[in-house]
Protein backbone atom coordinates (compact mmCIF):
# COMPACT_ATOMS: atom_id res chain seq x y z
CA UNK A 1 0.00 0.00 0.00
CA UNK A 2 1.11 3.53 -0.82
CA UNK A 3 -0.89 6.73 -0.73
CA UNK A 4 -0.72 10.38 -1.67
CA UNK A 5 -3.02 13.38 -1.45
CA UNK A 6 -1.42 15.24 -4.32
CA UNK A 7 0.07 14.78 -7.77
CA UNK A 8 3.55 13.27 -7.89
CA UNK A 9 5.54 13.94 -11.09
CA UNK A 10 8.16 11.31 -10.20
CA UNK A 11 7.52 8.31 -7.96
CA UNK A 12 11.24 7.62 -7.55
CA UNK A 13 12.10 7.38 -3.85
CA UNK A 14 8.62 6.42 -2.65
CA UNK A 15 8.22 3.02 -0.96
CA UNK A 16 5.22 0.79 -0.32
CA UNK A 17 4.13 0.74 3.32
CA UNK A 18 4.11 -2.34 5.50
CA UNK A 19 0.51 -3.43 6.11
CA UNK A 20 1.05 -6.90 7.54
CA UNK A 21 0.33 -8.78 4.32
CA UNK A 22 1.66 -8.97 0.80
CA UNK A 23 5.20 -9.04 -0.52
CA UNK A 24 5.58 -5.39 -1.54
CA UNK A 25 6.43 -3.79 1.80
CA UNK A 26 9.30 -1.28 1.58
CA UNK A 27 9.79 -1.91 -2.16
CA UNK A 28 9.84 1.07 -4.57
CA UNK A 29 6.46 2.28 -5.81
CA UNK A 30 7.89 3.39 -9.17
CA UNK A 31 7.42 0.61 -11.75
CA UNK A 32 6.04 -1.84 -9.18
CA UNK A 33 2.31 -1.08 -8.82
CA UNK A 34 -0.27 -3.51 -10.16
CA UNK A 35 -3.49 -1.96 -8.84
CA UNK A 36 -4.98 1.18 -7.30
CA UNK A 37 -7.59 2.44 -4.86
CA UNK A 38 -8.69 6.06 -4.75
CA UNK A 39 -10.03 7.44 -1.46
CA UNK A 40 -10.28 11.02 -2.67
CA UNK A 41 -13.07 13.11 -4.19
CA UNK A 42 -11.11 13.74 -7.39
CA UNK A 43 -10.28 11.60 -10.39
CA UNK A 44 -6.71 10.60 -11.09
CA UNK A 45 -4.31 9.03 -13.53
CA UNK A 46 -1.30 6.75 -13.18
CA UNK A 47 1.26 7.58 -15.88
CA UNK A 48 3.82 5.37 -17.61
CA UNK A 49 6.57 8.02 -17.54
CA UNK A 50 7.71 10.65 -15.07
CA UNK A 51 6.33 14.12 -15.65
CA UNK A 52 2.84 12.82 -16.51
CA UNK A 53 3.84 11.50 -19.93
CA UNK A 54 3.07 8.41 -21.99
CA UNK A 55 0.12 6.08 -21.68
CA UNK A 56 -1.93 6.14 -18.49
CA UNK A 57 -4.65 4.43 -16.49
CA UNK A 58 -7.51 6.60 -15.22
CA UNK A 59 -9.39 6.07 -11.98
CA UNK A 60 -12.52 7.63 -10.58
CA UNK A 61 -13.27 9.45 -7.37
CA UNK A 62 -14.72 7.91 -4.20
CA UNK A 63 -18.03 6.22 -4.91
CA UNK A 64 -17.42 5.76 -8.63
CA UNK A 65 -17.33 2.36 -10.31
CA UNK A 66 -13.64 2.83 -11.19
CA UNK A 67 -12.18 3.88 -7.80
CA UNK A 68 -10.52 0.46 -7.32
CA UNK A 69 -8.95 -1.79 -9.93
CA UNK A 70 -5.97 -3.24 -11.68
CA UNK A 71 -3.60 -1.16 -13.75
CA UNK A 72 -3.63 -2.16 -17.42
CA UNK A 73 -1.55 0.29 -19.45
CA UNK A 74 0.85 1.00 -16.59
CA UNK A 75 0.97 -2.38 -14.83
CA UNK A 76 4.39 -2.46 -13.08
CA UNK A 77 5.42 0.43 -15.35
CA UNK A 78 4.19 3.44 -13.40
CA UNK A 79 6.27 6.57 -12.89
CA UNK A 80 3.94 9.45 -11.95
CA UNK A 81 0.41 10.15 -10.72
CA UNK A 82 -1.88 13.13 -11.36
CA UNK A 83 -5.05 14.11 -9.52
CA UNK A 84 -8.05 15.98 -10.99
CA UNK A 85 -8.03 18.82 -13.49
CA UNK A 86 -7.53 16.99 -16.79
PDB file of N, CA and C in Angstrom:
ATOM      1  N   UNK A   1       0.837  -1.165   0.000  1.00  0.00           N
ATOM      2  CA  UNK A   1       0.000   0.000   0.000  1.00  0.00           C
ATOM      3  C   UNK A   1       0.889   1.237   0.000  1.00  0.00           C
ATOM      4  N   UNK A   2       0.465   2.227  -0.771  1.00  0.00           N
ATOM      5  CA  UNK A   2       1.114   3.533  -0.819  1.00  0.00           C
ATOM      6  C   UNK A   2       0.029   4.550  -1.054  1.00  0.00           C
ATOM      7  N   UNK A   3       0.145   5.735  -0.495  1.00  0.00           N
ATOM      8  CA  UNK A   3      -0.893   6.732  -0.729  1.00  0.00           C
ATOM      9  C   UNK A   3      -0.303   8.124  -0.872  1.00  0.00           C
ATOM     10  N   UNK A   4      -1.081   8.975  -1.519  1.00  0.00           N
ATOM     11  CA  UNK A   4      -0.720  10.381  -1.673  1.00  0.00           C
ATOM     12  C   UNK A   4      -1.998  11.197  -1.702  1.00  0.00           C
ATOM     13  N   UNK A   5      -1.888  12.461  -1.358  1.00  0.00           N
ATOM     14  CA  UNK A   5      -3.024  13.377  -1.446  1.00  0.00           C
ATOM     15  C   UNK A   5      -2.773  14.447  -2.496  1.00  0.00           C
ATOM     16  N   UNK A   6      -1.742  14.257  -3.287  1.00  0.00           N
ATOM     17  CA  UNK A   6      -1.425  15.237  -4.316  1.00  0.00           C
ATOM     18  C   UNK A   6      -0.785  14.550  -5.516  1.00  0.00           C
ATOM     19  N   UNK A   7      -0.613  15.304  -6.581  1.00  0.00           N
ATOM     20  CA  UNK A   7       0.067  14.783  -7.766  1.00  0.00           C
ATOM     21  C   UNK A   7       1.542  14.573  -7.449  1.00  0.00           C
ATOM     22  N   UNK A   8       2.118  13.561  -8.065  1.00  0.00           N
ATOM     23  CA  UNK A   8       3.545  13.272  -7.893  1.00  0.00           C
ATOM     24  C   UNK A   8       4.146  13.085  -9.278  1.00  0.00           C
ATOM     25  N   UNK A   9       4.988  14.037  -9.747  1.00  0.00           N
ATOM     26  CA  UNK A   9       5.537  13.942 -11.093  1.00  0.00           C
ATOM     27  C   UNK A   9       6.600  12.862 -11.257  1.00  0.00           C
ATOM     28  N   UNK A  10       7.143  12.361 -10.142  1.00  0.00           N
ATOM     29  CA  UNK A  10       8.159  11.313 -10.203  1.00  0.00           C
ATOM     30  C   UNK A  10       8.056  10.461  -8.942  1.00  0.00           C
ATOM     31  N   UNK A  11       7.700   9.204  -9.108  1.00  0.00           N
ATOM     32  CA  UNK A  11       7.521   8.312  -7.959  1.00  0.00           C
ATOM     33  C   UNK A  11       8.827   7.727  -7.431  1.00  0.00           C
ATOM     34  N   UNK A  12       9.944   8.105  -8.017  1.00  0.00           N
ATOM     35  CA  UNK A  12      11.238   7.624  -7.550  1.00  0.00           C
ATOM     36  C   UNK A  12      11.449   8.046  -6.093  1.00  0.00           C
ATOM     37  N   UNK A  13      11.853   7.105  -5.264  1.00  0.00           N
ATOM     38  CA  UNK A  13      12.103   7.385  -3.853  1.00  0.00           C
ATOM     39  C   UNK A  13      10.950   7.034  -2.927  1.00  0.00           C
ATOM     40  N   UNK A  14       9.758   6.812  -3.468  1.00  0.00           N
ATOM     41  CA  UNK A  14       8.616   6.418  -2.647  1.00  0.00           C
ATOM     42  C   UNK A  14       8.612   4.903  -2.470  1.00  0.00           C
ATOM     43  N   UNK A  15       8.251   4.447  -1.268  1.00  0.00           N
ATOM     44  CA  UNK A  15       8.221   3.019  -0.958  1.00  0.00           C
ATOM     45  C   UNK A  15       6.827   2.601  -0.531  1.00  0.00           C
ATOM     46  N   UNK A  16       6.463   1.344  -0.828  1.00  0.00           N
ATOM     47  CA  UNK A  16       5.221   0.794  -0.319  1.00  0.00           C
ATOM     48  C   UNK A  16       5.321   0.651   1.196  1.00  0.00           C
ATOM     49  N   UNK A  17       4.188   0.848   1.879  1.00  0.00           N
ATOM     50  CA  UNK A  17       4.131   0.738   3.323  1.00  0.00           C
ATOM     51  C   UNK A  17       3.955  -0.712   3.746  1.00  0.00           C
ATOM     52  N   UNK A  18       4.349  -1.016   4.950  1.00  0.00           N
ATOM     53  CA  UNK A  18       4.106  -2.344   5.504  1.00  0.00           C
ATOM     54  C   UNK A  18       2.700  -2.372   6.073  1.00  0.00           C
ATOM     55  N   UNK A  19       1.890  -3.318   5.628  1.00  0.00           N
ATOM     56  CA  UNK A  19       0.515  -3.426   6.107  1.00  0.00           C
ATOM     57  C   UNK A  19       0.227  -4.774   6.739  1.00  0.00           C
ATOM     58  N   UNK A  20       1.238  -5.602   6.901  1.00  0.00           N
ATOM     59  CA  UNK A  20       1.048  -6.896   7.536  1.00  0.00           C
ATOM     60  C   UNK A  20       0.748  -8.030   6.572  1.00  0.00           C
ATOM     61  N   UNK A  21       0.559  -7.723   5.306  1.00  0.00           N
ATOM     62  CA  UNK A  21       0.335  -8.779   4.324  1.00  0.00           C
ATOM     63  C   UNK A  21       0.903  -8.357   2.976  1.00  0.00           C
ATOM     64  N   UNK A  22       1.115  -9.276   2.114  1.00  0.00           N
ATOM     65  CA  UNK A  22       1.662  -8.970   0.805  1.00  0.00           C
ATOM     66  C   UNK A  22       3.179  -8.966   0.805  1.00  0.00           C
ATOM     67  N   UNK A  23       3.748  -8.974  -0.380  1.00  0.00           N
ATOM     68  CA  UNK A  23       5.200  -9.035  -0.520  1.00  0.00           C
ATOM     69  C   UNK A  23       5.825  -7.708  -0.915  1.00  0.00           C
ATOM     70  N   UNK A  24       5.052  -6.641  -1.031  1.00  0.00           N
ATOM     71  CA  UNK A  24       5.581  -5.388  -1.543  1.00  0.00           C
ATOM     72  C   UNK A  24       6.101  -4.408  -0.518  1.00  0.00           C
ATOM     73  N   UNK A  25       6.031  -4.742   0.765  1.00  0.00           N
ATOM     74  CA  UNK A  25       6.428  -3.790   1.803  1.00  0.00           C
ATOM     75  C   UNK A  25       7.852  -3.300   1.601  1.00  0.00           C
ATOM     76  N   UNK A  26       8.002  -1.977   1.660  1.00  0.00           N
ATOM     77  CA  UNK A  26       9.299  -1.284   1.579  1.00  0.00           C
ATOM     78  C   UNK A  26       9.958  -1.381   0.199  1.00  0.00           C
ATOM     79  N   UNK A  27       9.257  -1.888  -0.786  1.00  0.00           N
ATOM     80  CA  UNK A  27       9.785  -1.911  -2.155  1.00  0.00           C
ATOM     81  C   UNK A  27       9.412  -0.595  -2.844  1.00  0.00           C
ATOM     82  N   UNK A  28      10.157  -0.180  -3.871  1.00  0.00           N
ATOM     83  CA  UNK A  28       9.837   1.068  -4.568  1.00  0.00           C
ATOM     84  C   UNK A  28       8.454   1.029  -5.216  1.00  0.00           C
ATOM     85  N   UNK A  29       7.753   2.158  -5.156  1.00  0.00           N
ATOM     86  CA  UNK A  29       6.459   2.284  -5.812  1.00  0.00           C
ATOM     87  C   UNK A  29       6.649   2.385  -7.322  1.00  0.00           C
ATOM     88  N   UNK A  30       7.664   3.152  -7.736  1.00  0.00           N
ATOM     89  CA  UNK A  30       7.890   3.387  -9.168  1.00  0.00           C
ATOM     90  C   UNK A  30       8.141   2.072  -9.898  1.00  0.00           C
ATOM     91  N   UNK A  31       7.339   1.808 -10.909  1.00  0.00           N
ATOM     92  CA  UNK A  31       7.423   0.610 -11.752  1.00  0.00           C
ATOM     93  C   UNK A  31       7.155  -0.691 -11.013  1.00  0.00           C
ATOM     94  N   UNK A  32       6.379  -0.628  -9.936  1.00  0.00           N
ATOM     95  CA  UNK A  32       6.041  -1.839  -9.185  1.00  0.00           C
ATOM     96  C   UNK A  32       4.573  -1.955  -8.804  1.00  0.00           C
ATOM     97  N   UNK A  33       3.722  -1.025  -9.205  1.00  0.00           N
ATOM     98  CA  UNK A  33       2.311  -1.084  -8.824  1.00  0.00           C
ATOM     99  C   UNK A  33       1.507  -1.903  -9.831  1.00  0.00           C
ATOM    100  N   UNK A  34       0.581  -2.690  -9.310  1.00  0.00           N
ATOM    101  CA  UNK A  34      -0.275  -3.513 -10.162  1.00  0.00           C
ATOM    102  C   UNK A  34      -1.744  -3.097 -10.072  1.00  0.00           C
ATOM    103  N   UNK A  35      -2.099  -2.342  -9.029  1.00  0.00           N
ATOM    104  CA  UNK A  35      -3.493  -1.956  -8.840  1.00  0.00           C
ATOM    105  C   UNK A  35      -3.568  -0.605  -8.120  1.00  0.00           C
ATOM    106  N   UNK A  36      -4.780  -0.110  -7.944  1.00  0.00           N
ATOM    107  CA  UNK A  36      -4.978   1.181  -7.296  1.00  0.00           C
ATOM    108  C   UNK A  36      -6.269   1.189  -6.504  1.00  0.00           C
ATOM    109  N   UNK A  37      -6.357   2.129  -5.573  1.00  0.00           N
ATOM    110  CA  UNK A  37      -7.590   2.436  -4.860  1.00  0.00           C
ATOM    111  C   UNK A  37      -7.565   3.927  -4.574  1.00  0.00           C
ATOM    112  N   UNK A  38      -8.616   4.621  -4.949  1.00  0.00           N
ATOM    113  CA  UNK A  38      -8.689   6.060  -4.749  1.00  0.00           C
ATOM    114  C   UNK A  38      -9.662   6.370  -3.626  1.00  0.00           C
ATOM    115  N   UNK A  39      -9.190   7.037  -2.585  1.00  0.00           N
ATOM    116  CA  UNK A  39     -10.029   7.440  -1.455  1.00  0.00           C
ATOM    117  C   UNK A  39     -10.282   8.940  -1.456  1.00  0.00           C
ATOM    118  N   UNK A  40     -10.102   9.576  -2.591  1.00  0.00           N
ATOM    119  CA  UNK A  40     -10.276  11.022  -2.667  1.00  0.00           C
ATOM    120  C   UNK A  40     -11.473  11.386  -3.536  1.00  0.00           C
ATOM    121  N   UNK A  41     -11.911  12.631  -3.434  1.00  0.00           N
ATOM    122  CA  UNK A  41     -13.071  13.110  -4.186  1.00  0.00           C
ATOM    123  C   UNK A  41     -12.704  13.667  -5.551  1.00  0.00           C
ATOM    124  N   UNK A  42     -11.538  13.313  -6.059  1.00  0.00           N
ATOM    125  CA  UNK A  42     -11.113  13.742  -7.393  1.00  0.00           C
ATOM    126  C   UNK A  42     -10.680  12.526  -8.202  1.00  0.00           C
ATOM    127  N   UNK A  43     -10.769  12.649  -9.510  1.00  0.00           N
ATOM    128  CA  UNK A  43     -10.283  11.597 -10.394  1.00  0.00           C
ATOM    129  C   UNK A  43      -8.766  11.670 -10.486  1.00  0.00           C
ATOM    130  N   UNK A  44      -8.164  10.596 -10.956  1.00  0.00           N
ATOM    131  CA  UNK A  44      -6.714  10.596 -11.094  1.00  0.00           C
ATOM    132  C   UNK A  44      -6.243   9.742 -12.251  1.00  0.00           C
ATOM    133  N   UNK A  45      -4.939   9.836 -12.500  1.00  0.00           N
ATOM    134  CA  UNK A  45      -4.305   9.028 -13.535  1.00  0.00           C
ATOM    135  C   UNK A  45      -2.953   8.541 -13.046  1.00  0.00           C
ATOM    136  N   UNK A  46      -2.636   7.301 -13.393  1.00  0.00           N
ATOM    137  CA  UNK A  46      -1.302   6.747 -13.177  1.00  0.00           C
ATOM    138  C   UNK A  46      -0.625   6.750 -14.539  1.00  0.00           C
ATOM    139  N   UNK A  47       0.559   7.366 -14.609  1.00  0.00           N
ATOM    140  CA  UNK A  47       1.256   7.576 -15.884  1.00  0.00           C
ATOM    141  C   UNK A  47       2.439   6.637 -16.046  1.00  0.00           C
ATOM    142  N   UNK A  48       2.719   6.256 -17.267  1.00  0.00           N
ATOM    143  CA  UNK A  48       3.822   5.374 -17.611  1.00  0.00           C
ATOM    144  C   UNK A  48       5.176   6.035 -17.355  1.00  0.00           C
ATOM    145  N   UNK A  49       5.288   7.323 -17.665  1.00  0.00           N
ATOM    146  CA  UNK A  49       6.568   8.024 -17.542  1.00  0.00           C
ATOM    147  C   UNK A  49       6.497   9.130 -16.498  1.00  0.00           C
ATOM    148  N   UNK A  50       7.632   9.507 -15.973  1.00  0.00           N
ATOM    149  CA  UNK A  50       7.714  10.652 -15.068  1.00  0.00           C
ATOM    150  C   UNK A  50       7.267  11.905 -15.801  1.00  0.00           C
ATOM    151  N   UNK A  51       6.771  12.872 -15.043  1.00  0.00           N
ATOM    152  CA  UNK A  51       6.327  14.120 -15.650  1.00  0.00           C
ATOM    153  C   UNK A  51       4.982  14.021 -16.328  1.00  0.00           C
ATOM    154  N   UNK A  52       4.184  12.998 -15.970  1.00  0.00           N
ATOM    155  CA  UNK A  52       2.836  12.821 -16.511  1.00  0.00           C
ATOM    156  C   UNK A  52       2.854  12.619 -18.023  1.00  0.00           C
ATOM    157  N   UNK A  53       3.708  11.747 -18.492  1.00  0.00           N
ATOM    158  CA  UNK A  53       3.842  11.499 -19.928  1.00  0.00           C
ATOM    159  C   UNK A  53       3.591  10.023 -20.245  1.00  0.00           C
ATOM    160  N   UNK A  54       3.276   9.773 -21.510  1.00  0.00           N
ATOM    161  CA  UNK A  54       3.069   8.414 -21.986  1.00  0.00           C
ATOM    162  C   UNK A  54       1.645   7.942 -21.777  1.00  0.00           C
ATOM    163  N   UNK A  55       1.446   6.647 -21.898  1.00  0.00           N
ATOM    164  CA  UNK A  55       0.120   6.076 -21.678  1.00  0.00           C
ATOM    165  C   UNK A  55      -0.227   6.173 -20.203  1.00  0.00           C
ATOM    166  N   UNK A  56      -1.493   6.020 -19.877  1.00  0.00           N
ATOM    167  CA  UNK A  56      -1.926   6.138 -18.489  1.00  0.00           C
ATOM    168  C   UNK A  56      -3.140   5.254 -18.226  1.00  0.00           C
ATOM    169  N   UNK A  57      -3.416   5.036 -16.959  1.00  0.00           N
ATOM    170  CA  UNK A  57      -4.653   4.428 -16.491  1.00  0.00           C
ATOM    171  C   UNK A  57      -5.397   5.482 -15.691  1.00  0.00           C
ATOM    172  N   UNK A  58      -6.681   5.644 -15.950  1.00  0.00           N
ATOM    173  CA  UNK A  58      -7.510   6.599 -15.216  1.00  0.00           C
ATOM    174  C   UNK A  58      -8.282   5.886 -14.123  1.00  0.00           C
ATOM    175  N   UNK A  59      -8.544   6.607 -13.042  1.00  0.00           N
ATOM    176  CA  UNK A  59      -9.388   6.071 -11.985  1.00  0.00           C
ATOM    177  C   UNK A  59     -10.322   7.151 -11.484  1.00  0.00           C
ATOM    178  N   UNK A  60     -11.477   6.710 -11.011  1.00  0.00           N
ATOM    179  CA  UNK A  60     -12.518   7.630 -10.583  1.00  0.00           C
ATOM    180  C   UNK A  60     -12.391   8.041  -9.134  1.00  0.00           C
ATOM    181  N   UNK A  61     -13.246   8.967  -8.742  1.00  0.00           N
ATOM    182  CA  UNK A  61     -13.267   9.455  -7.374  1.00  0.00           C
ATOM    183  C   UNK A  61     -14.043   8.485  -6.475  1.00  0.00           C
ATOM    184  N   UNK A  62     -14.020   8.748  -5.174  1.00  0.00           N
ATOM    185  CA  UNK A  62     -14.716   7.913  -4.199  1.00  0.00           C
ATOM    186  C   UNK A  62     -16.175   7.743  -4.617  1.00  0.00           C
ATOM    187  N   UNK A  63     -16.651   6.528  -4.560  1.00  0.00           N
ATOM    188  CA  UNK A  63     -18.030   6.225  -4.907  1.00  0.00           C
ATOM    189  C   UNK A  63     -18.252   5.884  -6.372  1.00  0.00           C
ATOM    190  N   UNK A  64     -17.258   6.084  -7.210  1.00  0.00           N
ATOM    191  CA  UNK A  64     -17.416   5.756  -8.626  1.00  0.00           C
ATOM    192  C   UNK A  64     -17.144   4.270  -8.847  1.00  0.00           C
ATOM    193  N   UNK A  65     -17.530   3.784 -10.008  1.00  0.00           N
ATOM    194  CA  UNK A  65     -17.325   2.365 -10.312  1.00  0.00           C
ATOM    195  C   UNK A  65     -15.870   2.046 -10.611  1.00  0.00           C
ATOM    196  N   UNK A  66     -15.039   3.068 -10.826  1.00  0.00           N
ATOM    197  CA  UNK A  66     -13.641   2.833 -11.192  1.00  0.00           C
ATOM    198  C   UNK A  66     -12.688   3.421 -10.140  1.00  0.00           C
ATOM    199  N   UNK A  67     -13.065   3.360  -8.845  1.00  0.00           N
ATOM    200  CA  UNK A  67     -12.177   3.881  -7.801  1.00  0.00           C
ATOM    201  C   UNK A  67     -11.182   2.823  -7.315  1.00  0.00           C
ATOM    202  N   UNK A  68     -11.402   1.567  -7.680  1.00  0.00           N
ATOM    203  CA  UNK A  68     -10.518   0.461  -7.317  1.00  0.00           C
ATOM    204  C   UNK A  68     -10.340  -0.416  -8.551  1.00  0.00           C
ATOM    205  N   UNK A  69      -9.127  -0.891  -8.798  1.00  0.00           N
ATOM    206  CA  UNK A  69      -8.946  -1.786  -9.927  1.00  0.00           C
ATOM    207  C   UNK A  69      -7.494  -2.075 -10.236  1.00  0.00           C
ATOM    208  N   UNK A  70      -7.314  -2.885 -11.229  1.00  0.00           N
ATOM    209  CA  UNK A  70      -5.969  -3.239 -11.677  1.00  0.00           C
ATOM    210  C   UNK A  70      -5.484  -2.239 -12.720  1.00  0.00           C
ATOM    211  N   UNK A  71      -4.202  -1.984 -12.708  1.00  0.00           N
ATOM    212  CA  UNK A  71      -3.599  -1.162 -13.746  1.00  0.00           C
ATOM    213  C   UNK A  71      -3.457  -2.015 -15.000  1.00  0.00           C
ATOM    214  N   UNK A  72      -3.713  -1.449 -16.154  1.00  0.00           N
ATOM    215  CA  UNK A  72      -3.635  -2.161 -17.421  1.00  0.00           C
ATOM    216  C   UNK A  72      -2.484  -1.608 -18.254  1.00  0.00           C
ATOM    217  N   UNK A  73      -2.576  -0.336 -18.609  1.00  0.00           N
ATOM    218  CA  UNK A  73      -1.552   0.289 -19.449  1.00  0.00           C
ATOM    219  C   UNK A  73      -0.246   0.548 -18.707  1.00  0.00           C
ATOM    220  N   UNK A  74      -0.333   0.660 -17.383  1.00  0.00           N
ATOM    221  CA  UNK A  74       0.853   1.004 -16.586  1.00  0.00           C
ATOM    222  C   UNK A  74       1.185  -0.072 -15.551  1.00  0.00           C
ATOM    223  N   UNK A  75       0.723  -1.276 -15.763  1.00  0.00           N
ATOM    224  CA  UNK A  75       0.972  -2.376 -14.829  1.00  0.00           C
ATOM    225  C   UNK A  75       2.479  -2.574 -14.643  1.00  0.00           C
ATOM    226  N   UNK A  76       2.963  -2.359 -13.427  1.00  0.00           N
ATOM    227  CA  UNK A  76       4.386  -2.456 -13.076  1.00  0.00           C
ATOM    228  C   UNK A  76       5.272  -1.558 -13.934  1.00  0.00           C
ATOM    229  N   UNK A  77       4.690  -0.554 -14.540  1.00  0.00           N
ATOM    230  CA  UNK A  77       5.417   0.432 -15.351  1.00  0.00           C
ATOM    231  C   UNK A  77       4.824   1.808 -15.076  1.00  0.00           C
ATOM    232  N   UNK A  78       4.810   2.202 -13.826  1.00  0.00           N
ATOM    233  CA  UNK A  78       4.185   3.443 -13.404  1.00  0.00           C
ATOM    234  C   UNK A  78       5.241   4.393 -12.836  1.00  0.00           C
ATOM    235  N   UNK A  79       5.217   5.641 -13.306  1.00  0.00           N
ATOM    236  CA  UNK A  79       6.270   6.567 -12.895  1.00  0.00           C
ATOM    237  C   UNK A  79       5.771   7.883 -12.325  1.00  0.00           C
ATOM    238  N   UNK A  80       4.488   8.221 -12.528  1.00  0.00           N
ATOM    239  CA  UNK A  80       3.941   9.451 -11.950  1.00  0.00           C
ATOM    240  C   UNK A  80       2.426   9.300 -11.786  1.00  0.00           C
ATOM    241  N   UNK A  81       1.853  10.185 -10.973  1.00  0.00           N
ATOM    242  CA  UNK A  81       0.413  10.149 -10.718  1.00  0.00           C
ATOM    243  C   UNK A  81      -0.114  11.582 -10.686  1.00  0.00           C
ATOM    244  N   UNK A  82      -1.245  11.797 -11.358  1.00  0.00           N
ATOM    245  CA  UNK A  82      -1.876  13.127 -11.356  1.00  0.00           C
ATOM    246  C   UNK A  82      -3.268  12.999 -10.765  1.00  0.00           C
ATOM    247  N   UNK A  83      -3.753  14.096 -10.185  1.00  0.00           N
ATOM    248  CA  UNK A  83      -5.053  14.110  -9.518  1.00  0.00           C
ATOM    249  C   UNK A  83      -5.883  15.260 -10.058  1.00  0.00           C
ATOM    250  N   UNK A  84      -7.099  14.965 -10.548  1.00  0.00           N
ATOM    251  CA  UNK A  84      -8.049  15.979 -10.987  1.00  0.00           C
ATOM    252  C   UNK A  84      -7.546  16.886 -12.105  1.00  0.00           C
ATOM    253  N   UNK A  85      -8.387  17.779 -12.542  1.00  0.00           N
ATOM    254  CA  UNK A  85      -8.030  18.820 -13.492  1.00  0.00           C
ATOM    255  C   UNK A  85      -7.446  18.389 -14.816  1.00  0.00           C
ATOM    256  N   UNK A  86      -8.053  17.428 -15.508  1.00  0.00           N
ATOM    257  CA  UNK A  86      -7.530  16.991 -16.792  1.00  0.00           C
ATOM    258  C   UNK A  86      -8.064  17.886 -17.859  1.00  0.00           C
TER     259      UNK A  86
END
